[in-house]
C-alpha atoms as a PDB file:
ATOM      1  CA  MET A   1      53.478  78.007  28.286  1.00  0.00           C
ATOM      2  CA  ASN A   2      50.190  76.798  27.162  1.00  0.00           C
ATOM      3  CA  TYR A   3      47.947  79.690  26.695  1.00  0.00           C
ATOM      4  CA  PRO A   4      44.222  79.503  25.393  1.00  0.00           C
ATOM      5  CA  ASN A   5      43.655  80.866  22.221  1.00  0.00           C
ATOM      6  CA  PHE A   6      44.263  84.674  22.095  1.00  0.00           C
ATOM      7  CA  SER A   7      43.008  87.020  19.451  1.00  0.00           C
ATOM      8  CA  GLU A   8      44.815  86.768  15.982  1.00  0.00           C
ATOM      9  CA  GLU A   9      43.456  90.210  15.344  1.00  0.00           C
ATOM     10  CA  ILE A  10      45.580  92.037  17.907  1.00  0.00           C
ATOM     11  CA  PRO A  11      48.873  90.339  19.442  1.00  0.00           C
ATOM     12  CA  TRP A  12      49.658  89.649  23.024  1.00  0.00           C
ATOM     13  CA  THR A  13      52.791  90.346  24.552  1.00  0.00           C
ATOM     14  CA  GLU A  14      54.452  87.508  26.671  1.00  0.00           C
ATOM     15  CA  GLU A  15      54.166  89.695  29.748  1.00  0.00           C
ATOM     16  CA  ALA A  16      50.355  90.174  29.071  1.00  0.00           C
ATOM     17  CA  LYS A  17      49.830  86.426  28.750  1.00  0.00           C
ATOM     18  CA  ILE A  18      51.341  85.980  32.034  1.00  0.00           C
ATOM     19  CA  LYS A  19      49.283  88.691  33.829  1.00  0.00           C
ATOM     20  CA  TYR A  20      46.045  86.796  31.999  1.00  0.00           C
ATOM     21  CA  LYS A  21      47.172  83.686  33.631  1.00  0.00           C
ATOM     22  CA  ASN A  22      46.982  85.248  36.961  1.00  0.00           C
ATOM     23  CA  ILE A  23      43.253  85.985  36.346  1.00  0.00           C
ATOM     24  CA  PRO A  24      41.348  83.444  38.309  1.00  0.00           C
ATOM     25  CA  PHE A  25      40.529  80.690  35.960  1.00  0.00           C
ATOM     26  CA  TYR A  26      36.559  81.098  36.097  1.00  0.00           C
ATOM     27  CA  ALA A  27      36.736  84.928  35.082  1.00  0.00           C
ATOM     28  CA  ARG A  28      39.332  84.336  32.208  1.00  0.00           C
ATOM     29  CA  SER A  29      37.195  84.024  29.037  1.00  0.00           C
ATOM     30  CA  GLN A  30      35.235  87.167  30.219  1.00  0.00           C
ATOM     31  CA  ALA A  31      38.273  89.145  31.113  1.00  0.00           C
ATOM     32  CA  ARG A  32      39.978  88.127  27.560  1.00  0.00           C
ATOM     33  CA  GLN A  33      36.906  89.474  25.774  1.00  0.00           C
ATOM     34  CA  THR A  34      37.232  92.879  28.034  1.00  0.00           C
ATOM     35  CA  ILE A  35      41.109  93.089  27.278  1.00  0.00           C
ATOM     36  CA  GLU A  36      40.577  92.807  23.713  1.00  0.00           C
ATOM     37  CA  GLU A  37      37.713  94.973  23.382  1.00  0.00           C
ATOM     38  CA  LEU A  38      39.674  97.744  25.434  1.00  0.00           C
ATOM     39  CA  ALA A  39      42.387  97.094  23.061  1.00  0.00           C
ATOM     40  CA  ARG A  40      40.392  97.562  19.902  1.00  0.00           C
ATOM     41  CA  THR A  41      38.594 100.927  21.684  1.00  0.00           C
ATOM     42  CA  GLU A  42      42.023 102.187  21.949  1.00  0.00           C
ATOM     43  CA  GLU A  43      43.247 101.206  18.581  1.00  0.00           C
ATOM     44  CA  VAL A  44      46.358  99.537  20.207  1.00  0.00           C
ATOM     45  CA  GLU A  45      48.864  97.517  18.036  1.00  0.00           C
ATOM     46  CA  GLU A  46      49.285  94.802  20.693  1.00  0.00           C
ATOM     47  CA  ILE A  47      47.830  93.841  24.221  1.00  0.00           C
ATOM     48  CA  THR A  48      50.658  94.639  26.779  1.00  0.00           C
ATOM     49  CA  ALA A  49      50.708  93.835  30.596  1.00  0.00           C
ATOM     50  CA  GLU A  50      49.718  97.397  31.218  1.00  0.00           C
ATOM     51  CA  LEU A  51      46.431  97.435  29.317  1.00  0.00           C
ATOM     52  CA  VAL A  52      45.494  94.063  31.068  1.00  0.00           C
ATOM     53  CA  MET A  53      45.992  95.707  34.429  1.00  0.00           C
ATOM     54  CA  ARG A  54      43.928  98.674  33.400  1.00  0.00           C
ATOM     55  CA  ALA A  55      41.332  96.346  32.293  1.00  0.00           C
ATOM     56  CA  GLN A  56      41.094  94.722  35.511  1.00  0.00           C
ATOM     57  CA  GLN A  57      40.968  97.997  37.308  1.00  0.00           C
ATOM     58  CA  LYS A  58      38.254  99.339  34.884  1.00  0.00           C
ATOM     59  CA  PHE A  59      36.240  96.219  35.418  1.00  0.00           C
ATOM     60  CA  GLY A  60      37.023  95.507  39.107  1.00  0.00           C
ATOM     61  CA  LYS A  61      39.555  92.818  39.074  1.00  0.00           C
END
Protein backbone atom coordinates (compact mmCIF):
# COMPACT_ATOMS: atom_id res chain seq x y z
CA MET A 1 0.00 0.00 0.00
CA ASN A 2 1.07 3.54 -0.60
CA TYR A 3 0.97 5.44 2.69
CA PRO A 4 1.83 9.05 3.49
CA ASN A 5 5.00 9.81 5.39
CA PHE A 6 4.49 8.44 8.86
CA SER A 7 6.59 9.55 11.79
CA GLU A 8 10.08 8.13 11.87
CA GLU A 9 10.07 8.86 15.59
CA ILE A 10 7.32 6.36 16.43
CA PRO A 11 6.74 3.41 14.09
CA TRP A 12 3.22 2.54 12.91
CA THR A 13 2.00 -1.07 12.75
CA GLU A 14 0.45 -2.20 9.46
CA GLU A 15 -2.92 -2.48 11.22
CA ALA A 16 -2.64 1.14 12.40
CA LYS A 17 -1.86 2.28 8.87
CA ILE A 18 -4.94 0.47 7.59
CA LYS A 19 -7.13 2.13 10.27
CA TYR A 20 -5.58 5.48 9.34
CA LYS A 21 -6.45 4.92 5.68
CA ASN A 22 -10.12 4.57 6.72
CA ILE A 23 -10.12 8.14 8.06
CA PRO A 24 -11.65 10.56 5.53
CA PHE A 25 -8.97 12.05 3.29
CA TYR A 26 -9.70 15.65 4.33
CA ALA A 27 -9.09 14.80 8.01
CA ARG A 28 -6.00 12.60 7.69
CA SER A 29 -3.30 15.22 8.17
CA GLN A 30 -4.81 16.52 11.41
CA ALA A 31 -5.62 12.98 12.52
CA ARG A 32 -2.03 11.84 11.99
CA GLN A 33 -0.73 14.74 14.07
CA THR A 34 -3.25 13.97 16.81
CA ILE A 35 -2.44 10.26 16.83
CA GLU A 36 1.31 10.87 16.98
CA GLU A 37 0.84 13.47 19.74
CA LEU A 38 -1.22 10.98 21.75
CA ALA A 39 1.46 8.33 21.23
CA ARG A 40 4.15 10.70 22.53
CA THR A 41 1.99 11.69 25.51
CA GLU A 42 1.44 8.04 26.40
CA GLU A 43 5.11 7.23 25.68
CA VAL A 44 4.24 4.21 23.53
CA GLU A 45 6.86 2.44 21.42
CA GLU A 46 4.66 2.05 18.35
CA ILE A 47 1.35 3.31 17.05
CA THR A 48 -1.20 0.50 17.00
CA ALA A 49 -4.70 0.20 15.54
CA GLU A 50 -6.06 0.43 19.09
CA LEU A 51 -4.30 3.77 19.61
CA VAL A 52 -5.71 5.07 16.31
CA MET A 53 -9.23 4.08 17.41
CA ARG A 54 -8.79 5.71 20.82
CA ALA A 55 -7.57 8.92 19.18
CA GLN A 56 -10.63 8.90 16.89
CA GLN A 57 -12.95 8.48 19.87
CA LYS A 58 -11.16 11.16 21.88
CA PHE A 59 -11.41 13.71 19.10
CA GLY A 60 -14.81 12.81 17.72
CA LYS A 61 -13.71 10.74 14.73
